[in-house]
N, C-alpha and C. Protein backbone atom coordinates (compact mmCIF):
# COMPACT_ATOMS: atom_id res chain seq x y z
N MET A 1 -26.15 21.67 -13.36
CA MET A 1 -26.72 22.65 -12.35
C MET A 1 -28.48 21.57 -11.28
N PRO A 2 -28.11 21.48 -10.62
CA PRO A 2 -29.46 20.41 -10.16
C PRO A 2 -30.74 21.72 -9.16
N THR A 3 -32.10 21.24 -9.73
CA THR A 3 -32.69 22.47 -9.07
C THR A 3 -33.29 22.97 -7.54
N PHE A 4 -33.93 23.39 -7.05
CA PHE A 4 -34.11 22.93 -5.98
C PHE A 4 -34.78 21.90 -5.42
N ASN A 5 -36.40 21.60 -5.87
CA ASN A 5 -36.85 19.96 -5.91
C ASN A 5 -35.04 19.24 -6.07
N GLN A 6 -34.42 19.28 -7.29
CA GLN A 6 -34.24 17.83 -7.25
C GLN A 6 -32.88 17.89 -6.02
N LEU A 7 -32.52 19.34 -5.29
CA LEU A 7 -31.75 18.92 -4.03
C LEU A 7 -32.16 19.05 -3.01
N ILE A 8 -34.33 18.90 -3.28
CA ILE A 8 -34.53 18.68 -1.67
C ILE A 8 -34.96 16.75 -2.08
N LYS A 9 -34.87 16.29 -2.80
CA LYS A 9 -34.82 14.92 -3.10
C LYS A 9 -33.77 14.21 -2.66
N LYS A 10 -32.56 14.92 -3.21
CA LYS A 10 -30.79 14.14 -2.80
C LYS A 10 -30.97 15.44 -2.40
N PRO A 11 -29.76 15.31 -1.46
CA PRO A 11 -29.07 16.77 -1.37
C PRO A 11 -27.49 16.76 -1.15
N ARG A 12 -26.89 17.34 -1.13
CA ARG A 12 -25.64 17.26 -1.47
C ARG A 12 -24.97 16.81 -0.47
N LYS A 13 -24.00 15.52 -1.14
CA LYS A 13 -22.72 15.06 -0.30
C LYS A 13 -21.30 15.02 -0.57
N ASN A 14 -20.19 15.54 1.12
CA ASN A 14 -19.58 15.61 1.23
C ASN A 14 -18.69 14.53 0.37
N LYS A 15 -17.57 14.75 -0.10
CA LYS A 15 -16.44 13.89 -0.44
C LYS A 15 -16.10 13.42 0.75
N LYS A 16 -15.11 11.63 0.91
CA LYS A 16 -14.61 11.17 1.82
C LYS A 16 -13.76 10.96 0.94
N HIS A 17 -12.86 11.28 2.20
CA HIS A 17 -11.40 11.93 1.95
C HIS A 17 -10.51 10.23 2.44
N LYS A 18 -9.63 10.09 1.29
CA LYS A 18 -8.65 8.88 1.84
C LYS A 18 -7.65 9.27 2.38
N ILE A 19 -7.54 8.25 4.02
CA ILE A 19 -6.34 8.41 5.01
C ILE A 19 -5.25 7.62 4.16
N LYS A 20 -4.39 8.39 3.64
CA LYS A 20 -3.36 7.79 3.22
C LYS A 20 -2.30 7.38 4.14
N LEU A 21 -2.11 7.68 5.67
CA LEU A 21 -1.56 7.36 6.92
C LEU A 21 -1.95 6.25 8.13
N LYS A 22 -2.52 5.74 6.79
CA LYS A 22 -3.15 4.34 8.56
C LYS A 22 -2.83 3.86 9.48
N ALA A 23 -1.31 3.52 9.45
CA ALA A 23 -0.74 2.89 10.92
C ALA A 23 -0.43 4.22 11.68
N LEU A 24 -0.88 5.54 11.56
CA LEU A 24 -0.77 6.79 11.86
C LEU A 24 -2.09 6.77 13.23
N ASP A 25 -2.70 5.95 13.01
CA ASP A 25 -3.90 6.39 13.87
C ASP A 25 -4.23 8.09 13.81
N SER A 26 -4.40 9.26 13.18
CA SER A 26 -4.46 11.03 13.39
C SER A 26 -3.66 11.01 14.10
N CYS A 27 -2.13 10.62 14.40
CA CYS A 27 -1.51 11.23 14.94
C CYS A 27 -0.33 12.03 14.57
N PRO A 28 0.84 11.95 14.59
CA PRO A 28 1.50 12.85 14.39
C PRO A 28 2.49 11.89 14.39
N TYR A 29 2.91 11.45 15.35
CA TYR A 29 4.21 10.89 15.39
C TYR A 29 3.37 9.40 15.92
N LYS A 30 4.40 8.50 15.92
CA LYS A 30 4.37 7.08 17.42
C LYS A 30 5.35 6.42 17.09
N ARG A 31 5.86 5.61 17.90
CA ARG A 31 6.42 5.00 18.06
C ARG A 31 7.20 3.89 17.88
N GLY A 32 8.15 3.09 17.61
CA GLY A 32 8.16 0.97 16.44
C GLY A 32 9.26 1.17 17.20
N VAL A 33 9.33 -0.19 17.06
CA VAL A 33 10.31 -1.47 17.52
C VAL A 33 11.16 -1.56 15.43
N CYS A 34 12.01 -1.32 15.44
CA CYS A 34 12.90 -1.75 14.01
C CYS A 34 12.81 -3.08 14.04
N LEU A 35 11.86 -4.31 13.26
CA LEU A 35 12.47 -6.36 12.97
C LEU A 35 13.62 -5.64 12.30
N LYS A 36 13.56 -4.83 10.86
CA LYS A 36 14.88 -4.94 10.44
C LYS A 36 15.14 -4.03 9.53
N VAL A 37 16.93 -3.38 9.86
CA VAL A 37 17.27 -2.17 8.70
C VAL A 37 17.76 -2.95 7.29
N TYR A 38 17.72 -2.72 5.67
CA TYR A 38 18.05 -2.87 4.28
C TYR A 38 17.86 -2.09 4.11
N THR A 39 18.53 -2.32 2.84
CA THR A 39 18.71 -1.32 1.56
C THR A 39 17.83 -1.70 0.28
N THR A 40 17.20 -0.88 -0.96
CA THR A 40 15.96 -0.66 -1.75
C THR A 40 16.48 -0.33 -2.51
N LYS A 41 16.50 -0.39 -3.82
CA LYS A 41 16.46 0.34 -4.80
C LYS A 41 15.47 1.22 -4.93
N PRO A 42 15.40 2.63 -5.75
CA PRO A 42 14.21 3.29 -6.41
C PRO A 42 13.80 2.71 -7.46
N LYS A 43 12.98 3.47 -7.89
CA LYS A 43 11.82 3.50 -9.47
C LYS A 43 12.36 3.37 -10.51
N LYS A 44 11.69 3.40 -11.51
CA LYS A 44 13.29 3.21 -12.19
C LYS A 44 13.50 4.67 -13.34
N PRO A 45 13.37 5.99 -12.76
CA PRO A 45 14.32 6.36 -13.31
C PRO A 45 15.88 7.31 -12.58
N ASN A 46 15.47 6.55 -11.44
CA ASN A 46 16.09 6.67 -10.95
C ASN A 46 17.06 6.18 -10.81
N SER A 47 17.81 6.22 -9.80
CA SER A 47 19.52 5.03 -9.19
C SER A 47 20.00 4.74 -8.06
N ALA A 48 20.33 4.84 -7.08
CA ALA A 48 20.59 4.70 -5.01
C ALA A 48 20.19 3.63 -4.71
N ILE A 49 21.08 3.40 -3.40
CA ILE A 49 20.41 2.88 -2.69
C ILE A 49 20.23 3.36 -1.61
N ARG A 50 19.44 3.40 -1.12
CA ARG A 50 17.87 3.64 -0.14
C ARG A 50 17.87 3.04 0.51
N LYS A 51 18.20 3.49 2.14
CA LYS A 51 18.33 2.69 3.42
C LYS A 51 16.35 3.09 3.79
N VAL A 52 16.51 1.61 4.42
CA VAL A 52 14.44 1.44 4.76
C VAL A 52 14.43 0.86 6.42
N ALA A 53 13.53 1.12 6.81
CA ALA A 53 13.88 -0.20 7.53
C ALA A 53 12.03 -0.58 8.38
N LYS A 54 12.40 -1.87 8.81
CA LYS A 54 10.48 -2.67 9.06
C LYS A 54 10.44 -2.86 10.09
N ILE A 55 9.53 -2.35 10.07
CA ILE A 55 9.12 -1.45 11.78
C ILE A 55 7.96 -1.41 12.45
N GLN A 56 7.57 -2.14 13.56
CA GLN A 56 7.04 -2.66 13.84
C GLN A 56 6.25 -1.58 15.31
N LEU A 57 4.33 -0.37 15.41
CA LEU A 57 4.44 0.33 16.14
C LEU A 57 3.77 -0.27 17.33
N ALA A 58 4.52 0.38 18.41
CA ALA A 58 4.76 -0.26 20.05
C ALA A 58 3.55 -0.45 19.94
N LYS A 59 2.02 0.33 20.18
CA LYS A 59 0.58 -0.38 20.70
C LYS A 59 -0.38 -0.97 20.05
N SER A 60 0.11 -0.09 18.20
CA SER A 60 -1.41 -1.24 17.08
C SER A 60 -0.49 -2.25 16.45
N LYS A 61 0.88 -2.43 17.23
CA LYS A 61 1.56 -3.56 15.99
C LYS A 61 2.09 -2.98 14.96
N LYS A 62 1.49 -3.33 14.00
CA LYS A 62 1.00 -2.66 13.14
C LYS A 62 2.86 -2.99 12.36
N LYS A 63 3.14 -3.21 10.96
CA LYS A 63 4.03 -3.73 10.44
C LYS A 63 4.52 -2.39 9.67
N ILE A 64 5.46 -1.73 9.43
CA ILE A 64 5.29 -1.05 8.15
C ILE A 64 6.26 -0.24 7.73
N ILE A 65 7.11 0.09 6.91
CA ILE A 65 8.47 0.42 5.84
C ILE A 65 8.32 1.39 6.04
N VAL A 66 10.13 2.27 6.40
CA VAL A 66 9.61 3.17 7.10
C VAL A 66 11.18 3.70 5.97
N ALA A 67 11.56 5.16 5.67
CA ALA A 67 12.60 5.58 4.96
C ALA A 67 13.67 6.38 5.88
N ILE A 68 14.69 5.68 5.70
CA ILE A 68 15.84 6.64 6.80
C ILE A 68 16.32 7.53 5.99
N PRO A 69 15.92 9.34 6.65
CA PRO A 69 16.46 9.59 5.72
C PRO A 69 18.17 9.99 6.96
N GLY A 70 19.05 11.14 5.40
CA GLY A 70 20.36 11.58 6.53
C GLY A 70 21.23 11.11 5.31
N ILE A 71 22.57 10.82 6.20
CA ILE A 71 23.62 10.98 6.14
C ILE A 71 23.77 9.59 6.92
N GLY A 72 24.28 8.87 6.56
CA GLY A 72 24.71 7.17 7.22
C GLY A 72 24.14 7.01 9.04
N HIS A 73 23.41 5.86 9.55
CA HIS A 73 22.89 5.94 10.59
C HIS A 73 23.36 4.57 11.11
N LYS A 74 23.22 4.47 12.20
CA LYS A 74 23.53 3.29 13.22
C LYS A 74 22.22 2.81 13.68
N LEU A 75 21.76 2.85 13.14
CA LEU A 75 19.90 2.25 13.25
C LEU A 75 20.25 0.65 13.24
N ILE A 76 20.08 -0.36 14.66
CA ILE A 76 20.01 -2.15 14.29
C ILE A 76 18.54 -2.88 14.38
N GLU A 77 18.57 -3.87 14.39
CA GLU A 77 17.47 -4.61 15.57
C GLU A 77 16.76 -4.63 16.96
N HIS A 78 15.78 -4.16 16.97
CA HIS A 78 15.09 -3.58 18.61
C HIS A 78 16.36 -2.54 18.94
N SER A 79 16.42 -1.65 17.52
CA SER A 79 16.09 0.28 18.56
C SER A 79 15.21 0.50 17.75
N MET A 80 14.73 1.05 19.43
CA MET A 80 13.05 2.07 18.78
C MET A 80 13.52 2.97 18.54
N VAL A 81 12.51 3.87 17.18
CA VAL A 81 12.83 4.59 16.38
C VAL A 81 11.40 5.76 16.66
N LEU A 82 10.61 6.85 16.69
CA LEU A 82 10.02 7.99 16.19
C LEU A 82 9.93 7.66 14.71
N VAL A 83 8.38 7.93 14.58
CA VAL A 83 8.19 7.65 12.81
C VAL A 83 6.64 8.74 12.65
N ARG A 84 6.87 9.08 11.54
CA ARG A 84 6.28 10.05 11.12
C ARG A 84 6.01 10.16 9.27
N GLY A 85 5.00 10.83 9.14
CA GLY A 85 4.29 10.87 8.14
C GLY A 85 5.31 11.16 6.38
N GLY A 86 5.17 11.26 5.41
CA GLY A 86 5.63 11.07 4.33
C GLY A 86 6.84 10.86 3.53
N ARG A 87 5.73 10.35 2.70
CA ARG A 87 6.60 9.14 1.84
C ARG A 87 7.77 9.73 1.07
N ALA A 88 8.30 8.54 0.44
CA ALA A 88 9.41 8.28 0.03
C ALA A 88 9.74 8.57 -1.63
N ASN A 89 9.43 10.02 -2.25
CA ASN A 89 8.76 9.80 -3.94
C ASN A 89 8.84 7.98 -4.70
N ASP A 90 10.62 7.90 -4.62
CA ASP A 90 10.86 7.10 -5.66
C ASP A 90 10.32 5.59 -5.05
N LEU A 91 10.32 5.45 -3.25
CA LEU A 91 10.36 3.85 -2.97
C LEU A 91 8.28 3.65 -3.31
N PRO A 92 8.17 2.60 -3.57
CA PRO A 92 6.96 1.44 -3.88
C PRO A 92 6.57 1.28 -2.22
N GLY A 93 5.46 1.89 -1.67
CA GLY A 93 5.06 0.78 -0.47
C GLY A 93 5.63 1.94 0.42
N VAL A 94 6.21 2.52 1.00
CA VAL A 94 7.70 3.32 1.42
C VAL A 94 6.75 4.46 1.91
N ARG A 95 5.74 5.09 3.10
CA ARG A 95 4.84 5.76 3.71
C ARG A 95 5.97 6.95 4.83
N TYR A 96 6.55 6.26 4.76
CA TYR A 96 6.50 6.44 6.59
C TYR A 96 7.86 7.41 6.51
N LYS A 97 8.66 7.95 7.67
CA LYS A 97 9.76 8.63 7.33
C LYS A 97 10.70 8.51 9.39
N ALA A 98 11.30 8.26 9.56
CA ALA A 98 12.09 7.82 10.41
C ALA A 98 12.39 9.57 11.10
N VAL A 99 11.95 10.22 12.54
CA VAL A 99 12.88 11.52 12.94
C VAL A 99 13.86 11.12 13.37
N ARG A 100 15.11 12.09 13.18
CA ARG A 100 16.49 12.12 13.08
C ARG A 100 16.49 12.19 15.25
N GLY A 101 17.41 12.01 15.36
CA GLY A 101 17.68 12.46 16.79
C GLY A 101 16.93 12.06 18.11
N LYS A 102 15.48 11.71 17.48
CA LYS A 102 14.91 10.73 18.87
C LYS A 102 15.37 9.43 19.05
N LEU A 103 15.05 9.21 20.22
CA LEU A 103 15.25 7.40 21.08
C LEU A 103 16.21 7.15 20.60
N ASP A 104 16.61 5.60 20.25
CA ASP A 104 17.51 5.25 19.38
C ASP A 104 18.06 5.63 18.27
N PHE A 105 17.81 6.42 17.17
CA PHE A 105 18.05 6.92 16.47
C PHE A 105 18.86 8.22 16.42
N ILE A 106 20.03 8.18 17.07
CA ILE A 106 21.08 9.14 16.87
C ILE A 106 21.58 10.02 16.03
N MET A 107 21.90 10.93 15.99
CA MET A 107 22.07 12.79 14.84
C MET A 107 23.21 12.40 14.86
N GLU A 108 24.30 11.85 14.73
CA GLU A 108 25.57 11.55 14.33
C GLU A 108 24.90 11.14 12.56
N GLU A 109 26.64 12.17 12.33
CA GLU A 109 26.43 12.18 11.31
C GLU A 109 27.79 11.64 9.85
N LYS A 110 28.03 10.67 9.17
CA LYS A 110 29.67 10.52 8.65
C LYS A 110 29.91 12.24 8.62
N PHE A 111 29.63 13.44 8.15
CA PHE A 111 30.17 14.62 7.85
C PHE A 111 29.72 15.87 8.00
N PRO A 112 30.13 16.86 8.25
CA PRO A 112 29.45 17.60 9.09
C PRO A 112 28.62 18.66 7.71
N ARG A 113 26.97 18.69 8.18
CA ARG A 113 26.01 19.23 7.56
C ARG A 113 26.04 20.82 6.92
N LYS A 114 25.91 21.10 6.25
CA LYS A 114 26.57 22.61 5.66
C LYS A 114 24.54 23.38 5.42
N ASN A 115 24.34 21.92 4.58
CA ASN A 115 22.55 23.10 4.17
C ASN A 115 21.57 22.15 4.21
N LYS A 116 20.57 22.49 4.66
CA LYS A 116 19.70 21.83 4.67
C LYS A 116 19.83 21.48 6.43
N ARG A 117 20.34 22.24 6.76
CA ARG A 117 20.46 21.84 8.84
C ARG A 117 19.78 21.84 9.79
N SER A 118 18.28 23.09 9.43
CA SER A 118 16.94 23.22 10.38
C SER A 118 16.34 22.05 10.46
N LYS A 119 16.22 20.99 9.54
CA LYS A 119 15.17 19.99 9.55
C LYS A 119 16.10 19.08 10.67
N TYR A 120 17.61 18.71 10.33
CA TYR A 120 17.95 18.24 11.74
C TYR A 120 18.37 18.69 12.57
N GLY A 121 18.28 20.13 12.57
CA GLY A 121 18.51 20.56 13.97
C GLY A 121 20.21 21.34 15.04
N LYS A 122 21.20 21.02 12.97
CA LYS A 122 22.36 21.32 13.39
C LYS A 122 22.84 22.78 13.38
N LYS A 123 23.88 22.87 14.72
CA LYS A 123 24.04 24.73 14.33
C LYS A 123 24.83 25.01 13.12
N LYS A 124 25.54 25.94 13.40
CA LYS A 124 26.19 26.58 11.61
C LYS A 124 27.68 25.76 11.56
């Protein structure tokens, strides 16, 4: 614990917080265009085929990798997508997610959803 005189010489400094979602520029959502839609495999203990897309943001022209949530999708190259923050835990380098049901990323899924409907705005 510093003394009063020590604090006069060197006052306390606030910690600078690291910005994890640099591409969003402190915005909740950003719009982008799909450059490539592909699949990847997750890190070591998990095994699956995860769907991801490379997206170029509309205004800043930054290129980011976005996880595609939900069951099935019809995303193709040049389709418009709304991007939000939220990383895919087992995919390295994927810090963003696509918002389902906005712009060209339509809501249709392969089979009707029973659980976790509220996130996707589905009726019972």
